[in-house]
């Protein structure tokens, strides 16, 4: 696992470098923009813990429908010249169109899932955990944030719904 020796900027990688999660297989897959995430170590003895990616995805995203049935996913990071393509992924649904093609990106097989040819770095991850946040578990400040954007974080009934957390073990990093 040579990637453990590489230096990353865990507080910047998701905040300043937009990423895309891709889930599914060659026959049926989807991707969406992710900007909330982190890198960490968890679940293991000291020095032997799992290197993981943690993402926060809203359940209304079409990509979320693929996560329950998929064992693997990729998280791809791109050069700044792809911000427009990533913005397209974040503002269009794969339910209604081939948004990957329409964004000008090329999906490629990576392991048992898909990723992007244009990515400067891709994390191939094995799903370890998916857990929906409970509204009541948030402090008021976070509830207030969600309440500001009920159209974005919709529960489908006029209110808001929080993201779920997705944790994947990093099996490979492709530069």
Protein backbone atom coordinates (compact mmCIF):
# COMPACT_ATOMS: atom_id res chain seq x y z
CA UNK A 1 0.00 0.00 0.00
CA UNK A 2 2.44 2.61 -1.24
CA UNK A 3 -0.22 5.32 -1.19
CA UNK A 4 0.05 5.44 2.62
CA UNK A 5 3.51 7.00 2.23
CA UNK A 6 2.30 9.84 0.01
CA UNK A 7 1.46 13.25 1.47
CA UNK A 8 -2.11 14.51 1.11
CA UNK A 9 -3.80 17.68 2.26
CA UNK A 10 -6.78 16.13 4.06
CA UNK A 11 -8.42 19.47 4.88
CA UNK A 12 -8.04 20.86 1.37
CA UNK A 13 -8.52 17.89 -0.93
CA UNK A 14 -12.33 18.03 -0.85
CA UNK A 15 -12.81 21.67 0.08
CA UNK A 16 -10.75 23.21 -2.71
CA UNK A 17 -10.44 20.36 -5.22
CA UNK A 18 -13.85 19.24 -6.34
CA UNK A 19 -14.28 15.53 -6.81
CA UNK A 20 -16.70 13.06 -8.34
CA UNK A 21 -17.92 9.79 -6.88
CA UNK A 22 -18.73 7.10 -9.43
CA UNK A 23 -20.74 4.03 -8.49
CA UNK A 24 -21.98 1.07 -10.52
CA UNK A 25 -20.58 -1.14 -13.24
CA UNK A 26 -19.93 -0.89 -16.99
CA UNK A 27 -23.56 -1.59 -17.81
CA UNK A 28 -25.12 0.89 -15.38
CA UNK A 29 -23.40 3.55 -13.32
CA UNK A 30 -23.68 7.18 -12.32
CA UNK A 31 -21.50 9.90 -10.90
CA UNK A 32 -22.05 13.06 -8.92
CA UNK A 33 -20.07 15.95 -7.57
CA UNK A 34 -18.80 15.65 -4.00
CA UNK A 35 -17.24 18.48 -2.06
CA UNK A 36 -17.82 17.22 1.47
CA UNK A 37 -15.39 14.50 2.46
CA UNK A 38 -12.27 13.53 4.33
CA UNK A 39 -9.39 11.09 4.49
CA UNK A 40 -8.75 9.15 7.68
CA UNK A 41 -7.67 5.94 9.34
CA UNK A 42 -10.20 3.86 11.26
CA UNK A 43 -11.04 0.32 12.33
CA UNK A 44 -7.85 -1.50 13.10
CA UNK A 45 -5.01 -1.91 15.54
CA UNK A 46 -2.50 0.95 15.78
CA UNK A 47 -0.39 0.94 12.63
CA UNK A 48 -2.81 -1.44 10.89
CA UNK A 49 -5.99 0.62 10.59
CA UNK A 50 -7.88 0.94 7.34
CA UNK A 51 -7.07 3.97 5.17
CA UNK A 52 -10.48 5.39 4.28
CA UNK A 53 -12.37 8.03 2.35
CA UNK A 54 -15.46 9.45 4.01
CA UNK A 55 -18.06 11.17 1.83
CA UNK A 56 -21.34 12.92 2.58
CA UNK A 57 -23.99 12.39 -0.09
CA UNK A 58 -27.57 13.56 -0.20
CA UNK A 59 -30.11 10.72 -0.54
CA UNK A 60 -31.99 12.52 -3.34
CA UNK A 61 -28.99 12.15 -5.67
CA UNK A 62 -29.44 9.51 -8.37
CA UNK A 63 -25.95 8.23 -7.55
CA UNK A 64 -27.20 7.38 -4.05
CA UNK A 65 -29.47 4.72 -5.57
CA UNK A 66 -26.40 2.80 -6.79
CA UNK A 67 -24.57 2.74 -3.47
CA UNK A 68 -26.67 0.10 -1.71
CA UNK A 69 -26.11 -2.41 -4.53
CA UNK A 70 -22.41 -1.68 -5.11
CA UNK A 71 -19.41 -3.05 -3.28
CA UNK A 72 -16.99 -0.51 -4.80
CA UNK A 73 -16.87 3.15 -5.78
CA UNK A 74 -14.28 5.61 -7.02
CA UNK A 75 -13.53 9.14 -5.92
CA UNK A 76 -11.83 11.11 -8.70
CA UNK A 77 -10.06 14.45 -8.45
CA UNK A 78 -9.49 16.71 -11.45
CA UNK A 79 -7.34 19.60 -12.61
CA UNK A 80 -9.04 23.03 -12.36
CA UNK A 81 -9.74 23.05 -16.11
CA UNK A 82 -12.49 20.47 -15.44
CA UNK A 83 -14.46 22.63 -12.96
CA UNK A 84 -17.11 23.35 -15.60
CA UNK A 85 -17.56 19.63 -16.31
CA UNK A 86 -17.79 18.90 -12.58
CA UNK A 87 -20.29 21.71 -12.11
CA UNK A 88 -22.38 20.04 -14.82
CA UNK A 89 -22.22 16.72 -12.93
CA UNK A 90 -23.36 18.54 -9.80
CA UNK A 91 -26.29 20.33 -11.42
CA UNK A 92 -27.79 17.64 -13.69
CA UNK A 93 -29.29 14.25 -12.97
CA UNK A 94 -28.25 11.00 -14.59
CA UNK A 95 -31.91 9.93 -14.29
CA UNK A 96 -32.77 12.22 -17.18
CA UNK A 97 -29.72 12.22 -19.43
CA UNK A 98 -26.23 10.89 -20.01
CA UNK A 99 -24.74 13.67 -17.94
CA UNK A 100 -21.23 12.21 -18.02
CA UNK A 101 -21.11 12.42 -21.79
CA UNK A 102 -22.87 15.80 -21.77
CA UNK A 103 -20.26 17.09 -19.31
CA UNK A 104 -17.56 16.13 -21.80
CA UNK A 105 -16.06 13.40 -19.62
CA UNK A 106 -15.13 9.83 -20.50
CA UNK A 107 -15.98 7.05 -18.05
CA UNK A 108 -13.54 4.14 -17.86
CA UNK A 109 -13.57 0.85 -15.93
CA UNK A 110 -11.50 0.86 -12.74
CA UNK A 111 -11.54 -2.39 -10.81
CA UNK A 112 -15.14 -3.50 -10.34
CA UNK A 113 -16.57 -0.02 -10.89
CA UNK A 114 -16.02 3.06 -13.04
CA UNK A 115 -13.95 6.22 -12.96
CA UNK A 116 -12.83 8.96 -15.34
CA UNK A 117 -10.09 9.10 -17.94
CA UNK A 118 -9.60 12.83 -17.26
CA UNK A 119 -9.03 12.43 -13.50
CA UNK A 120 -5.62 13.42 -12.19
CA UNK A 121 -6.10 11.09 -9.22
CA UNK A 122 -8.64 8.38 -8.45
CA UNK A 123 -9.23 6.50 -5.21
CA UNK A 124 -10.67 3.01 -5.71
CA UNK A 125 -12.66 2.25 -2.56
CA UNK A 126 -14.43 -0.76 -1.10
CA UNK A 127 -17.63 0.24 0.70
CA UNK A 128 -17.42 -0.30 4.46
CA UNK A 129 -20.34 1.72 5.83
CA UNK A 130 -23.33 3.78 4.75
CA UNK A 131 -25.33 5.50 7.46
CA UNK A 132 -28.11 8.08 7.23
CA UNK A 133 -27.78 11.00 9.63
CA UNK A 134 -30.74 11.64 11.91
CA UNK A 135 -32.02 15.25 11.83
CA UNK A 136 -32.30 15.30 15.60
CA UNK A 137 -28.62 14.44 16.06
CA UNK A 138 -27.53 17.81 14.63
CA UNK A 139 -26.91 20.91 16.71
CA UNK A 140 -29.17 23.83 15.82
CA UNK A 141 -26.51 25.55 13.69
CA UNK A 142 -26.41 22.59 11.29
CA UNK A 143 -30.21 22.27 11.23
CA UNK A 144 -30.38 25.98 10.38
CA UNK A 145 -27.99 25.41 7.46
CA UNK A 146 -30.17 22.64 6.00
CA UNK A 147 -33.34 24.68 6.57
CA UNK A 148 -31.87 27.49 4.42
CA UNK A 149 -31.79 25.14 1.40
CA UNK A 150 -34.90 22.91 1.46
CA UNK A 151 -34.96 22.77 -2.36
CA UNK A 152 -31.40 21.45 -2.48
CA UNK A 153 -31.59 19.12 0.52
CA UNK A 154 -35.19 18.11 -0.02
CA UNK A 155 -36.93 15.27 1.73
CA UNK A 156 -39.49 15.21 -1.11
CA UNK A 157 -42.26 16.53 1.17
CA UNK A 158 -41.44 20.22 1.49
CA UNK A 159 -38.84 19.81 4.22
CA UNK A 160 -35.17 18.95 4.34
CA UNK A 161 -33.24 15.75 4.77
CA UNK A 162 -29.60 15.47 5.83
CA UNK A 163 -26.85 13.70 3.94
CA UNK A 164 -25.74 10.16 4.62
CA UNK A 165 -22.18 9.21 5.39
CA UNK A 166 -20.32 6.78 3.14
CA UNK A 167 -17.02 5.27 4.25
CA UNK A 168 -14.85 3.30 1.86
CA UNK A 169 -11.52 1.59 2.37
CA UNK A 170 -8.94 2.84 -0.11
CA UNK A 171 -7.65 -0.16 -2.04
CA UNK A 172 -5.75 1.71 -4.72
CA UNK A 173 -4.88 5.24 -5.73
CA UNK A 174 -4.34 5.87 -9.41
CA UNK A 175 -2.33 8.99 -10.29
